[in-house]
Amino acid sequence: MEKSQSDHSSNIFLTGTILMANIDYSGLMDYAVKALIGGVIWMGFKIAGDYFSEKMKKK
């Protein structure tokens, strides 16, 4: 039984290694930077919307 468990974990490790070798790291970094910039812009609009919403409620 231990033999098949070892083979199973070896297959998972081999599959993971192959998948990680095929990743385009420069494209992944570009995506991460774009996602970060988009998140900052979204957060800015969200904070501005909350601020103006509270300001209008007080009037």
C-alpha atoms as a PDB file:
ATOM      1  CA  MET A   1       0.000   0.000   0.000  1.00  0.00           C
ATOM      2  CA  GLU A   2       2.795   2.452   0.766  1.00  0.00           C
ATOM      3  CA  LYS A   3       4.206   1.838  -2.701  1.00  0.00           C
ATOM      4  CA  SER A   4       1.055   3.114  -4.455  1.00  0.00           C
ATOM      5  CA  GLN A   5       0.884   6.162  -2.180  1.00  0.00           C
ATOM      6  CA  SER A   6       4.477   7.008  -3.071  1.00  0.00           C
ATOM      7  CA  ASP A   7       3.694   6.609  -6.776  1.00  0.00           C
ATOM      8  CA  HIS A   8       0.656   8.854  -6.412  1.00  0.00           C
ATOM      9  CA  SER A   9       2.604  11.648  -4.730  1.00  0.00           C
ATOM     10  CA  SER A  10       5.369  11.307  -7.323  1.00  0.00           C
ATOM     11  CA  ASN A  11       2.812  11.708 -10.118  1.00  0.00           C
ATOM     12  CA  ILE A  12       1.368  14.819  -8.462  1.00  0.00           C
ATOM     13  CA  PHE A  13       4.855  16.281  -8.009  1.00  0.00           C
ATOM     14  CA  LEU A  14       5.763  15.564 -11.638  1.00  0.00           C
ATOM     15  CA  THR A  15       2.518  17.115 -12.917  1.00  0.00           C
ATOM     16  CA  GLY A  16       3.039  20.209 -10.753  1.00  0.00           C
ATOM     17  CA  THR A  17       6.608  20.578 -11.985  1.00  0.00           C
ATOM     18  CA  ILE A  18       5.527  20.385 -15.614  1.00  0.00           C
ATOM     19  CA  LEU A  19       2.746  22.921 -15.094  1.00  0.00           C
ATOM     20  CA  MET A  20       5.039  25.346 -13.250  1.00  0.00           C
ATOM     21  CA  ALA A  21       7.654  25.071 -16.015  1.00  0.00           C
ATOM     22  CA  ASN A  22       5.106  26.207 -18.608  1.00  0.00           C
ATOM     23  CA  ILE A  23       4.003  29.374 -16.788  1.00  0.00           C
ATOM     24  CA  ASP A  24       4.785  32.676 -18.488  1.00  0.00           C
ATOM     25  CA  TYR A  25       6.203  34.616 -15.551  1.00  0.00           C
ATOM     26  CA  SER A  26       6.521  37.953 -17.374  1.00  0.00           C
ATOM     27  CA  GLY A  27       2.846  37.773 -18.381  1.00  0.00           C
ATOM     28  CA  LEU A  28       1.950  36.852 -14.835  1.00  0.00           C
ATOM     29  CA  MET A  29       3.832  39.883 -13.497  1.00  0.00           C
ATOM     30  CA  ASP A  30       2.125  42.154 -16.048  1.00  0.00           C
ATOM     31  CA  TYR A  31      -1.253  40.811 -14.940  1.00  0.00           C
ATOM     32  CA  ALA A  32      -0.382  41.304 -11.260  1.00  0.00           C
ATOM     33  CA  VAL A  33       0.663  44.924 -11.848  1.00  0.00           C
ATOM     34  CA  LYS A  34      -2.508  45.654 -13.848  1.00  0.00           C
ATOM     35  CA  ALA A  35      -4.668  44.009 -11.166  1.00  0.00           C
ATOM     36  CA  LEU A  36      -2.945  46.052  -8.452  1.00  0.00           C
ATOM     37  CA  ILE A  37      -3.429  49.320 -10.346  1.00  0.00           C
ATOM     38  CA  GLY A  38      -7.065  48.440 -11.068  1.00  0.00           C
ATOM     39  CA  GLY A  39      -7.624  47.636  -7.389  1.00  0.00           C
ATOM     40  CA  VAL A  40      -6.160  50.970  -6.306  1.00  0.00           C
ATOM     41  CA  ILE A  41      -8.358  52.846  -8.787  1.00  0.00           C
ATOM     42  CA  TRP A  42     -11.448  50.906  -7.634  1.00  0.00           C
ATOM     43  CA  MET A  43     -10.611  51.625  -3.988  1.00  0.00           C
ATOM     44  CA  GLY A  44     -10.244  55.329  -4.774  1.00  0.00           C
ATOM     45  CA  PHE A  45     -13.665  55.462  -6.412  1.00  0.00           C
ATOM     46  CA  LYS A  46     -15.194  53.457  -3.548  1.00  0.00           C
ATOM     47  CA  ILE A  47     -13.776  55.787  -0.885  1.00  0.00           C
ATOM     48  CA  ALA A  48     -14.843  58.878  -2.872  1.00  0.00           C
ATOM     49  CA  GLY A  49     -18.349  57.457  -3.320  1.00  0.00           C
ATOM     50  CA  ASP A  50     -18.670  56.691   0.393  1.00  0.00           C
ATOM     51  CA  TYR A  51     -17.411  60.175   1.286  1.00  0.00           C
ATOM     52  CA  PHE A  52     -19.846  61.969  -1.025  1.00  0.00           C
ATOM     53  CA  SER A  53     -22.699  59.679   0.040  1.00  0.00           C
ATOM     54  CA  GLU A  54     -22.148  60.556   3.703  1.00  0.00           C
ATOM     55  CA  LYS A  55     -21.801  64.236   2.823  1.00  0.00           C
ATOM     56  CA  MET A  56     -25.143  64.201   0.975  1.00  0.00           C
ATOM     57  CA  LYS A  57     -26.888  62.395   3.853  1.00  0.00           C
ATOM     58  CA  LYS A  58     -25.849  65.131   6.292  1.00  0.00           C
ATOM     59  CA  LYS A  59     -27.479  67.862   4.180  1.00  0.00           C
END
